[in-house]
Each structure stands twice: as structure tokens, then as C-alpha cells.
Amino acid sequence: MTVLKILQYPNKKLREKAQLVTALNQKIQTIIKDMFETMYEKNGIGLAATQVGIPLQIIIMIDIDHDEKKIVLINPIIIKKNGNIKTREGCLSIPQERAFVNRFQNIIVKGLNEKGEKKIITAKGTLSVCIQHEIDHLNGILFIDRLSFLKRQIIEKKIKKNKKNENNI
């Protein structure tokens, strides 16, 4: 297994929409294993393939409310959503930044698992938020896009300042 490089905002590849996975082959299995290795290495709870420069509709996560059960969703689609929840989110592609984001509290999502079997997951709370966050990545959307203009500007200024400071070291 390999730890993959996580793309960092403002990398333009984070804004690309992922393509449908059309065949589950050994390459896809390796991508999924490497994504889990990467997520664990970076202490994340979810990761989208687009975050590691792979423009395919694959998301992985652990359900932190249920024994850190591994979840893989390929070509995920939210088919039902309700309720609202505001939670503090972070992102491996925007490290050190967190903000409160409005999401749906409950969702039903369908997709395929790593074996190509159809899966329907009913998610609430943290898992619901994580799935929505990762599906956003597949559509080129970052959590900062869901913030008010002012909050987003503040975060973007901090990111630019941190990048400038890194370049001066």
C-alpha cells in the first residue's frame, strides 16, 4: 500500500468533477487500499479520490460512531435528505482550517461497495456530514464554498498568509 499525496487548496484539480467508475478492476482496488492508507496516515475520517488527484467517483470513510467501520462508496448519489445540522468541519486538503457548515442531518445514499455490490446507507449525524463532505469533493466543491462570503474570505486570507510564510522559511 502507498500513502498518496493529498492535493492542497487552492490546487485547481480540487475543482474538477469526478468521472463515474465504469469497471471495478485491480487498479480500482489498489486505489481504494491506498486511499485508506493515506487517510489513516493523515488522521482523517474521510477521503475522496479527487483529493489525491484521481478524478473518479470514489469516497472512503470510517464511521466513527460505529467502531470505526470502513465504508467505501463508488458512484455515490444522495437519494433522500432531511433535517439540518451545523457542525464544525475540517478537510485534509485545507489543513489547519475548520469552520461551521450547514448540512443535512439525515441522508440516504446509494452507490457500490468495493466488491461492486449495490449499497444503500442510511446515515445521520457525523456519518451523514462526512458523506456529504466527500460527495462535495467529487463535484469540485470544498467546505469553504458553503460558508458566508466573509467567513470564506477570512479563511482564504489565512491560507495565503500561511503559504507566504512557508515560502519564506
N, C-alpha and C. Protein backbone atom coordinates (compact mmCIF):
# COMPACT_ATOMS: atom_id res chain seq x y z
N MET A 1 0.84 -1.19 0.00
CA MET A 1 0.00 0.00 0.00
C MET A 1 0.88 1.24 0.00
N THR A 2 0.34 2.29 -0.57
CA THR A 2 1.09 3.53 -0.73
C THR A 2 0.33 4.69 -0.12
N VAL A 3 1.06 5.58 0.55
CA VAL A 3 0.46 6.83 1.02
C VAL A 3 0.51 7.80 -0.15
N LEU A 4 -0.66 8.27 -0.54
CA LEU A 4 -0.77 9.17 -1.69
C LEU A 4 -0.63 10.62 -1.25
N LYS A 5 -0.27 11.48 -2.17
CA LYS A 5 -0.15 12.92 -1.88
C LYS A 5 -1.55 13.54 -1.92
N ILE A 6 -1.90 14.23 -0.85
CA ILE A 6 -3.20 14.91 -0.79
C ILE A 6 -3.03 16.30 -1.39
N LEU A 7 -3.86 16.60 -2.38
CA LEU A 7 -3.82 17.92 -3.01
C LEU A 7 -4.25 18.98 -2.00
N GLN A 8 -3.57 20.11 -2.02
CA GLN A 8 -3.87 21.19 -1.09
C GLN A 8 -4.53 22.35 -1.82
N TYR A 9 -5.53 22.94 -1.16
CA TYR A 9 -6.17 24.13 -1.68
C TYR A 9 -5.11 25.22 -1.79
N PRO A 10 -5.03 25.95 -2.88
CA PRO A 10 -6.01 26.15 -3.96
C PRO A 10 -5.74 25.35 -5.24
N ASN A 11 -5.18 24.15 -5.14
CA ASN A 11 -4.91 23.33 -6.33
C ASN A 11 -6.18 23.22 -7.19
N LYS A 12 -6.05 23.56 -8.46
CA LYS A 12 -7.20 23.58 -9.37
C LYS A 12 -7.83 22.21 -9.58
N LYS A 13 -7.07 21.15 -9.39
CA LYS A 13 -7.63 19.80 -9.56
C LYS A 13 -8.72 19.50 -8.53
N LEU A 14 -8.70 20.21 -7.40
CA LEU A 14 -9.75 20.03 -6.40
C LEU A 14 -11.11 20.53 -6.90
N ARG A 15 -11.10 21.32 -7.95
CA ARG A 15 -12.33 21.89 -8.51
C ARG A 15 -12.89 21.06 -9.67
N GLU A 16 -12.18 20.01 -10.05
CA GLU A 16 -12.63 19.17 -11.16
C GLU A 16 -13.70 18.19 -10.68
N LYS A 17 -14.66 17.92 -11.57
CA LYS A 17 -15.70 16.93 -11.26
C LYS A 17 -15.17 15.54 -11.58
N ALA A 18 -15.47 14.62 -10.69
CA ALA A 18 -15.02 13.23 -10.87
C ALA A 18 -15.88 12.51 -11.89
N GLN A 19 -15.27 11.54 -12.54
CA GLN A 19 -15.96 10.71 -13.54
C GLN A 19 -16.50 9.44 -12.88
N LEU A 20 -17.56 8.89 -13.47
CA LEU A 20 -18.11 7.63 -12.98
C LEU A 20 -17.08 6.51 -13.11
N VAL A 21 -17.07 5.63 -12.15
CA VAL A 21 -16.25 4.42 -12.25
C VAL A 21 -17.06 3.44 -13.08
N THR A 22 -16.49 2.97 -14.17
CA THR A 22 -17.22 2.09 -15.09
C THR A 22 -16.82 0.62 -14.97
N ALA A 23 -15.70 0.35 -14.34
CA ALA A 23 -15.25 -1.04 -14.16
C ALA A 23 -14.51 -1.16 -12.83
N LEU A 24 -14.85 -2.19 -12.09
CA LEU A 24 -14.14 -2.45 -10.84
C LEU A 24 -13.05 -3.48 -11.11
N ASN A 25 -11.85 -2.98 -11.28
CA ASN A 25 -10.72 -3.85 -11.58
C ASN A 25 -9.67 -3.74 -10.47
N GLN A 26 -8.55 -4.38 -10.68
CA GLN A 26 -7.48 -4.36 -9.67
C GLN A 26 -6.97 -2.95 -9.43
N LYS A 27 -6.94 -2.13 -10.47
CA LYS A 27 -6.48 -0.74 -10.31
C LYS A 27 -7.37 0.01 -9.32
N ILE A 28 -8.68 -0.17 -9.42
CA ILE A 28 -9.62 0.49 -8.50
C ILE A 28 -9.42 -0.05 -7.09
N GLN A 29 -9.22 -1.35 -6.96
CA GLN A 29 -8.98 -1.95 -5.64
C GLN A 29 -7.72 -1.36 -4.99
N THR A 30 -6.68 -1.18 -5.79
CA THR A 30 -5.43 -0.60 -5.28
C THR A 30 -5.65 0.85 -4.87
N ILE A 31 -6.39 1.60 -5.67
CA ILE A 31 -6.70 2.99 -5.33
C ILE A 31 -7.40 3.05 -3.98
N ILE A 32 -8.39 2.19 -3.78
CA ILE A 32 -9.15 2.18 -2.52
C ILE A 32 -8.23 1.86 -1.34
N LYS A 33 -7.39 0.85 -1.47
CA LYS A 33 -6.45 0.50 -0.39
C LYS A 33 -5.50 1.65 -0.10
N ASP A 34 -4.97 2.27 -1.14
CA ASP A 34 -4.05 3.39 -0.96
C ASP A 34 -4.76 4.59 -0.34
N MET A 35 -6.02 4.80 -0.70
CA MET A 35 -6.78 5.89 -0.09
C MET A 35 -6.95 5.67 1.41
N PHE A 36 -7.27 4.44 1.82
CA PHE A 36 -7.38 4.16 3.26
C PHE A 36 -6.04 4.37 3.95
N GLU A 37 -4.97 3.89 3.36
CA GLU A 37 -3.64 4.07 3.94
C GLU A 37 -3.34 5.57 4.12
N THR A 38 -3.68 6.35 3.12
CA THR A 38 -3.45 7.80 3.15
C THR A 38 -4.30 8.46 4.23
N MET A 39 -5.58 8.11 4.27
CA MET A 39 -6.49 8.70 5.25
C MET A 39 -6.01 8.40 6.68
N TYR A 40 -5.63 7.15 6.94
CA TYR A 40 -5.15 6.80 8.27
C TYR A 40 -3.85 7.53 8.61
N GLU A 41 -2.94 7.63 7.65
CA GLU A 41 -1.67 8.32 7.85
C GLU A 41 -1.88 9.78 8.24
N LYS A 42 -2.92 10.39 7.66
CA LYS A 42 -3.19 11.82 7.89
C LYS A 42 -4.23 12.05 8.98
N ASN A 43 -4.63 10.98 9.67
CA ASN A 43 -5.62 11.06 10.76
C ASN A 43 -6.95 11.65 10.31
N GLY A 44 -7.38 11.29 9.11
CA GLY A 44 -8.68 11.75 8.61
C GLY A 44 -9.76 10.73 8.91
N ILE A 45 -11.01 11.14 8.64
CA ILE A 45 -12.13 10.21 8.78
C ILE A 45 -12.81 9.96 7.43
N GLY A 46 -12.39 10.70 6.41
CA GLY A 46 -12.94 10.50 5.08
C GLY A 46 -11.99 11.04 4.03
N LEU A 47 -12.13 10.53 2.81
CA LEU A 47 -11.27 10.97 1.72
C LEU A 47 -11.97 10.68 0.40
N ALA A 48 -11.87 11.63 -0.52
CA ALA A 48 -12.39 11.45 -1.87
C ALA A 48 -11.22 11.25 -2.82
N ALA A 49 -11.44 10.45 -3.85
CA ALA A 49 -10.36 10.19 -4.81
C ALA A 49 -9.83 11.47 -5.44
N THR A 50 -10.70 12.45 -5.63
CA THR A 50 -10.26 13.72 -6.22
C THR A 50 -9.24 14.43 -5.34
N GLN A 51 -9.25 14.18 -4.05
CA GLN A 51 -8.29 14.82 -3.15
C GLN A 51 -6.88 14.29 -3.34
N VAL A 52 -6.76 13.13 -3.95
CA VAL A 52 -5.44 12.55 -4.21
C VAL A 52 -5.15 12.55 -5.71
N GLY A 53 -5.85 13.43 -6.43
CA GLY A 53 -5.57 13.63 -7.85
C GLY A 53 -6.13 12.55 -8.77
N ILE A 54 -7.08 11.78 -8.27
CA ILE A 54 -7.70 10.72 -9.09
C ILE A 54 -9.14 11.14 -9.36
N PRO A 55 -9.45 11.52 -10.60
CA PRO A 55 -10.78 12.09 -10.89
C PRO A 55 -11.87 11.03 -11.09
N LEU A 56 -12.01 10.16 -10.10
CA LEU A 56 -13.03 9.11 -10.15
C LEU A 56 -13.96 9.22 -8.95
N GLN A 57 -15.21 8.79 -9.13
CA GLN A 57 -16.20 8.88 -8.07
C GLN A 57 -16.03 7.75 -7.05
N ILE A 58 -15.05 7.95 -6.19
CA ILE A 58 -14.77 7.00 -5.10
C ILE A 58 -14.59 7.81 -3.83
N ILE A 59 -15.33 7.44 -2.79
CA ILE A 59 -15.12 8.04 -1.47
C ILE A 59 -14.97 6.92 -0.46
N ILE A 60 -14.16 7.21 0.54
CA ILE A 60 -13.96 6.25 1.64
C ILE A 60 -14.09 7.01 2.94
N MET A 61 -14.42 6.29 3.99
CA MET A 61 -14.51 6.92 5.31
C MET A 61 -14.58 5.84 6.37
N ILE A 62 -14.47 6.30 7.61
CA ILE A 62 -14.75 5.42 8.73
C ILE A 62 -15.93 6.01 9.48
N ASP A 63 -16.78 5.13 9.98
CA ASP A 63 -17.94 5.56 10.77
C ASP A 63 -17.48 5.64 12.22
N ILE A 64 -17.13 6.83 12.65
CA ILE A 64 -16.56 6.98 14.00
C ILE A 64 -17.57 6.69 15.10
N ASP A 65 -18.85 6.67 14.76
CA ASP A 65 -19.88 6.36 15.76
C ASP A 65 -20.16 4.86 15.87
N HIS A 66 -19.59 4.06 14.97
CA HIS A 66 -19.84 2.61 14.98
C HIS A 66 -18.53 1.84 14.77
N ASP A 67 -17.70 1.84 15.81
CA ASP A 67 -16.46 1.05 15.82
C ASP A 67 -15.53 1.33 14.64
N GLU A 68 -15.57 2.55 14.13
CA GLU A 68 -14.70 2.96 13.02
C GLU A 68 -14.80 1.99 11.83
N LYS A 69 -16.02 1.55 11.57
CA LYS A 69 -16.29 0.66 10.43
C LYS A 69 -15.89 1.35 9.13
N LYS A 70 -15.17 0.62 8.27
CA LYS A 70 -14.75 1.16 6.98
C LYS A 70 -15.93 1.20 6.01
N ILE A 71 -16.03 2.30 5.28
CA ILE A 71 -17.08 2.45 4.27
C ILE A 71 -16.44 2.88 2.97
N VAL A 72 -16.82 2.22 1.89
CA VAL A 72 -16.40 2.59 0.54
C VAL A 72 -17.67 2.83 -0.26
N LEU A 73 -17.74 3.96 -0.96
CA LEU A 73 -18.85 4.23 -1.86
C LEU A 73 -18.29 4.64 -3.22
N ILE A 74 -18.71 3.92 -4.22
CA ILE A 74 -18.32 4.20 -5.60
C ILE A 74 -19.55 4.71 -6.33
N ASN A 75 -19.39 5.80 -7.07
CA ASN A 75 -20.50 6.45 -7.77
C ASN A 75 -21.66 6.77 -6.82
N PRO A 76 -21.38 7.43 -5.68
CA PRO A 76 -22.43 7.67 -4.69
C PRO A 76 -23.43 8.75 -5.14
N ILE A 77 -24.68 8.53 -4.76
CA ILE A 77 -25.75 9.51 -5.04
C ILE A 77 -26.62 9.60 -3.80
N ILE A 78 -26.86 10.82 -3.33
CA ILE A 78 -27.79 11.02 -2.22
C ILE A 78 -29.20 10.97 -2.80
N ILE A 79 -30.02 10.04 -2.27
CA ILE A 79 -31.37 9.88 -2.81
C ILE A 79 -32.45 10.44 -1.90
N LYS A 80 -32.10 10.72 -0.65
CA LYS A 80 -33.05 11.33 0.27
C LYS A 80 -32.27 12.11 1.31
N LYS A 81 -32.83 13.24 1.72
CA LYS A 81 -32.16 14.06 2.73
C LYS A 81 -33.20 14.86 3.49
N ASN A 82 -32.94 15.05 4.80
CA ASN A 82 -33.82 15.90 5.60
C ASN A 82 -33.12 16.35 6.86
N GLY A 83 -33.75 17.32 7.52
CA GLY A 83 -33.20 17.87 8.75
C GLY A 83 -31.97 18.72 8.48
N ASN A 84 -31.60 19.50 9.46
CA ASN A 84 -30.41 20.34 9.33
C ASN A 84 -29.52 20.15 10.53
N ILE A 85 -28.23 20.25 10.29
CA ILE A 85 -27.24 20.16 11.36
C ILE A 85 -26.10 21.11 11.00
N LYS A 86 -25.59 21.78 12.00
CA LYS A 86 -24.44 22.67 11.79
C LYS A 86 -23.29 22.10 12.60
N THR A 87 -22.25 21.68 11.89
CA THR A 87 -21.11 21.06 12.57
C THR A 87 -19.82 21.71 12.11
N ARG A 88 -18.82 21.57 12.96
CA ARG A 88 -17.50 22.11 12.65
C ARG A 88 -16.77 21.10 11.78
N GLU A 89 -16.38 21.55 10.59
CA GLU A 89 -15.71 20.66 9.64
C GLU A 89 -14.29 21.12 9.38
N GLY A 90 -13.49 20.14 9.04
CA GLY A 90 -12.14 20.38 8.56
C GLY A 90 -11.95 19.57 7.30
N CYS A 91 -10.78 19.65 6.72
CA CYS A 91 -10.54 18.96 5.46
C CYS A 91 -9.04 18.71 5.30
N LEU A 92 -8.70 17.51 4.85
CA LEU A 92 -7.29 17.19 4.64
C LEU A 92 -6.67 18.03 3.53
N SER A 93 -7.50 18.60 2.66
CA SER A 93 -6.99 19.46 1.59
C SER A 93 -6.89 20.92 2.01
N ILE A 94 -7.43 21.23 3.19
CA ILE A 94 -7.31 22.59 3.75
C ILE A 94 -6.93 22.43 5.22
N PRO A 95 -5.71 21.94 5.47
CA PRO A 95 -5.32 21.65 6.85
C PRO A 95 -5.27 22.91 7.71
N GLN A 96 -5.46 22.71 8.98
CA GLN A 96 -5.45 23.77 9.99
C GLN A 96 -6.65 24.71 9.92
N GLU A 97 -7.57 24.51 8.99
CA GLU A 97 -8.74 25.37 8.92
C GLU A 97 -9.99 24.56 9.21
N ARG A 98 -10.83 25.12 10.07
CA ARG A 98 -12.11 24.49 10.41
C ARG A 98 -13.16 25.58 10.46
N ALA A 99 -14.39 25.18 10.16
CA ALA A 99 -15.48 26.15 10.20
C ALA A 99 -16.80 25.41 10.35
N PHE A 100 -17.81 26.11 10.86
CA PHE A 100 -19.13 25.53 10.99
C PHE A 100 -19.84 25.56 9.65
N VAL A 101 -20.38 24.41 9.26
CA VAL A 101 -21.03 24.25 7.96
C VAL A 101 -22.42 23.65 8.18
N ASN A 102 -23.39 24.16 7.43
CA ASN A 102 -24.75 23.60 7.47
C ASN A 102 -24.84 22.41 6.52
N ARG A 103 -25.36 21.32 7.02
CA ARG A 103 -25.54 20.10 6.24
C ARG A 103 -26.91 19.50 6.57
N PHE A 104 -27.29 18.47 5.81
CA PHE A 104 -28.48 17.72 6.15
C PHE A 104 -28.13 16.76 7.28
N GLN A 105 -29.04 16.65 8.25
CA GLN A 105 -28.77 15.77 9.38
C GLN A 105 -28.89 14.30 9.00
N ASN A 106 -29.85 13.99 8.14
CA ASN A 106 -30.11 12.60 7.75
C ASN A 106 -30.08 12.48 6.24
N ILE A 107 -29.42 11.45 5.75
CA ILE A 107 -29.41 11.20 4.31
C ILE A 107 -29.52 9.70 4.05
N ILE A 108 -29.98 9.39 2.85
CA ILE A 108 -29.89 8.03 2.34
C ILE A 108 -29.08 8.14 1.06
N VAL A 109 -28.03 7.34 0.97
CA VAL A 109 -27.12 7.40 -0.17
C VAL A 109 -27.00 6.01 -0.78
N LYS A 110 -26.93 5.99 -2.11
CA LYS A 110 -26.72 4.70 -2.77
C LYS A 110 -25.45 4.77 -3.59
N GLY A 111 -24.86 3.62 -3.78
CA GLY A 111 -23.64 3.51 -4.56
C GLY A 111 -23.22 2.05 -4.59
N LEU A 112 -22.00 1.83 -4.96
CA LEU A 112 -21.43 0.48 -4.98
C LEU A 112 -20.35 0.38 -3.91
N ASN A 113 -20.18 -0.81 -3.36
CA ASN A 113 -19.04 -1.01 -2.46
C ASN A 113 -17.84 -1.48 -3.28
N GLU A 114 -16.76 -1.79 -2.62
CA GLU A 114 -15.53 -2.16 -3.32
C GLU A 114 -15.65 -3.48 -4.08
N LYS A 115 -16.69 -4.26 -3.78
CA LYS A 115 -16.92 -5.53 -4.50
C LYS A 115 -17.88 -5.35 -5.68
N GLY A 116 -18.36 -4.12 -5.86
CA GLY A 116 -19.31 -3.86 -6.94
C GLY A 116 -20.75 -4.14 -6.57
N GLU A 117 -20.99 -4.41 -5.29
CA GLU A 117 -22.35 -4.68 -4.81
C GLU A 117 -23.07 -3.36 -4.55
N LYS A 118 -24.36 -3.32 -4.89
CA LYS A 118 -25.15 -2.13 -4.62
C LYS A 118 -25.30 -1.96 -3.11
N LYS A 119 -25.10 -0.73 -2.65
CA LYS A 119 -25.23 -0.42 -1.23
C LYS A 119 -26.18 0.76 -1.07
N ILE A 120 -27.02 0.67 -0.06
CA ILE A 120 -27.84 1.81 0.36
C ILE A 120 -27.52 2.03 1.83
N ILE A 121 -27.09 3.23 2.14
CA ILE A 121 -26.70 3.56 3.52
C ILE A 121 -27.61 4.67 4.03
N THR A 122 -28.19 4.42 5.19
CA THR A 122 -28.95 5.46 5.89
C THR A 122 -27.99 6.04 6.92
N ALA A 123 -27.73 7.33 6.80
CA ALA A 123 -26.72 7.96 7.66
C ALA A 123 -27.32 9.15 8.39
N LYS A 124 -26.85 9.34 9.62
CA LYS A 124 -27.26 10.51 10.38
C LYS A 124 -26.04 11.06 11.11
N GLY A 125 -26.15 12.30 11.55
CA GLY A 125 -25.08 12.90 12.33
C GLY A 125 -23.75 12.95 11.62
N THR A 126 -22.71 12.52 12.32
CA THR A 126 -21.34 12.63 11.80
C THR A 126 -21.16 11.90 10.48
N LEU A 127 -21.71 10.70 10.35
CA LEU A 127 -21.56 9.94 9.11
C LEU A 127 -22.25 10.66 7.96
N SER A 128 -23.43 11.20 8.21
CA SER A 128 -24.14 11.97 7.19
C SER A 128 -23.31 13.15 6.71
N VAL A 129 -22.74 13.88 7.65
CA VAL A 129 -21.91 15.05 7.32
C VAL A 129 -20.69 14.61 6.52
N CYS A 130 -20.04 13.54 6.94
CA CYS A 130 -18.84 13.06 6.26
C CYS A 130 -19.15 12.65 4.82
N ILE A 131 -20.24 11.93 4.62
CA ILE A 131 -20.62 11.51 3.27
C ILE A 131 -20.88 12.73 2.39
N GLN A 132 -21.63 13.70 2.91
CA GLN A 132 -21.92 14.91 2.13
C GLN A 132 -20.65 15.67 1.78
N HIS A 133 -19.74 15.77 2.75
CA HIS A 133 -18.47 16.47 2.54
C HIS A 133 -17.67 15.79 1.42
N GLU A 134 -17.59 14.46 1.46
CA GLU A 134 -16.81 13.74 0.46
C GLU A 134 -17.48 13.77 -0.92
N ILE A 135 -18.80 13.68 -0.97
CA ILE A 135 -19.50 13.79 -2.25
C ILE A 135 -19.29 15.19 -2.83
N ASP A 136 -19.28 16.21 -1.98
CA ASP A 136 -18.97 17.56 -2.46
C ASP A 136 -17.63 17.56 -3.21
N HIS A 137 -16.63 16.90 -2.64
CA HIS A 137 -15.32 16.84 -3.31
C HIS A 137 -15.43 16.27 -4.72
N LEU A 138 -16.27 15.26 -4.89
CA LEU A 138 -16.44 14.64 -6.21
C LEU A 138 -17.04 15.62 -7.22
N ASN A 139 -17.69 16.65 -6.70
CA ASN A 139 -18.31 17.67 -7.55
C ASN A 139 -17.50 18.96 -7.60
N GLY A 140 -16.27 18.92 -7.09
CA GLY A 140 -15.41 20.10 -7.12
C GLY A 140 -15.78 21.16 -6.10
N ILE A 141 -16.50 20.76 -5.06
CA ILE A 141 -16.96 21.69 -4.03
C ILE A 141 -16.17 21.44 -2.75
N LEU A 142 -15.70 22.51 -2.12
CA LEU A 142 -14.98 22.41 -0.85
C LEU A 142 -15.86 22.96 0.26
N PHE A 143 -15.58 22.58 1.50
CA PHE A 143 -16.43 23.04 2.60
C PHE A 143 -16.44 24.56 2.71
N ILE A 144 -15.36 25.22 2.32
CA ILE A 144 -15.33 26.68 2.40
C ILE A 144 -16.31 27.32 1.41
N ASP A 145 -16.71 26.58 0.38
CA ASP A 145 -17.70 27.09 -0.57
C ASP A 145 -19.08 27.19 0.07
N ARG A 146 -19.29 26.52 1.17
CA ARG A 146 -20.58 26.52 1.85
C ARG A 146 -20.63 27.55 2.98
N LEU A 147 -19.60 28.36 3.09
CA LEU A 147 -19.54 29.40 4.11
C LEU A 147 -20.03 30.73 3.55
N SER A 148 -20.30 31.66 4.46
CA SER A 148 -20.65 33.01 4.01
C SER A 148 -19.43 33.61 3.31
N PHE A 149 -19.68 34.61 2.49
CA PHE A 149 -18.60 35.27 1.76
C PHE A 149 -17.52 35.76 2.72
N LEU A 150 -17.92 36.39 3.81
CA LEU A 150 -16.97 36.95 4.77
C LEU A 150 -16.12 35.85 5.42
N LYS A 151 -16.76 34.78 5.88
CA LYS A 151 -16.01 33.70 6.52
C LYS A 151 -15.03 33.05 5.54
N ARG A 152 -15.48 32.90 4.31
CA ARG A 152 -14.61 32.31 3.30
C ARG A 152 -13.40 33.22 3.04
N GLN A 153 -13.63 34.52 2.94
CA GLN A 153 -12.54 35.47 2.72
C GLN A 153 -11.51 35.41 3.84
N ILE A 154 -11.99 35.31 5.08
CA ILE A 154 -11.08 35.24 6.23
C ILE A 154 -10.20 33.99 6.12
N ILE A 155 -10.81 32.86 5.81
CA ILE A 155 -10.04 31.61 5.69
C ILE A 155 -9.06 31.70 4.52
N GLU A 156 -9.50 32.23 3.39
CA GLU A 156 -8.59 32.34 2.24
C GLU A 156 -7.41 33.25 2.53
N LYS A 157 -7.62 34.33 3.28
CA LYS A 157 -6.51 35.21 3.66
C LYS A 157 -5.53 34.47 4.57
N LYS A 158 -6.04 33.69 5.52
CA LYS A 158 -5.17 32.92 6.40
C LYS A 158 -4.34 31.91 5.60
N ILE A 159 -4.98 31.27 4.64
CA ILE A 159 -4.28 30.29 3.81
C ILE A 159 -3.17 30.97 3.02
N LYS A 160 -3.47 32.11 2.40
CA LYS A 160 -2.46 32.84 1.63
C LYS A 160 -1.30 33.28 2.52
N LYS A 161 -1.63 33.75 3.72
CA LYS A 161 -0.59 34.18 4.66
C LYS A 161 0.29 33.00 5.06
N ASN A 162 -0.34 31.85 5.35
CA ASN A 162 0.43 30.66 5.72
C ASN A 162 1.32 30.20 4.57
N LYS A 163 0.81 30.23 3.34
CA LYS A 163 1.62 29.84 2.17
C LYS A 163 2.81 30.78 2.01
N LYS A 164 2.56 32.08 2.20
CA LYS A 164 3.63 33.07 2.09
C LYS A 164 4.70 32.82 3.15
N ASN A 165 4.26 32.54 4.38
CA ASN A 165 5.20 32.26 5.46
C ASN A 165 6.00 30.98 5.19
N GLU A 166 5.34 29.95 4.61
CA GLU A 166 6.04 28.71 4.27
C GLU A 166 7.11 28.97 3.22
N ASN A 167 6.80 29.81 2.26
CA ASN A 167 7.76 30.12 1.19
C ASN A 167 8.96 30.92 1.69
N ASN A 168 8.78 31.63 2.80
CA ASN A 168 9.87 32.45 3.35
C ASN A 168 10.77 31.66 4.30
N ILE A 169 10.39 30.44 4.61
CA ILE A 169 11.20 29.64 5.56
C ILE A 169 12.38 29.03 4.84
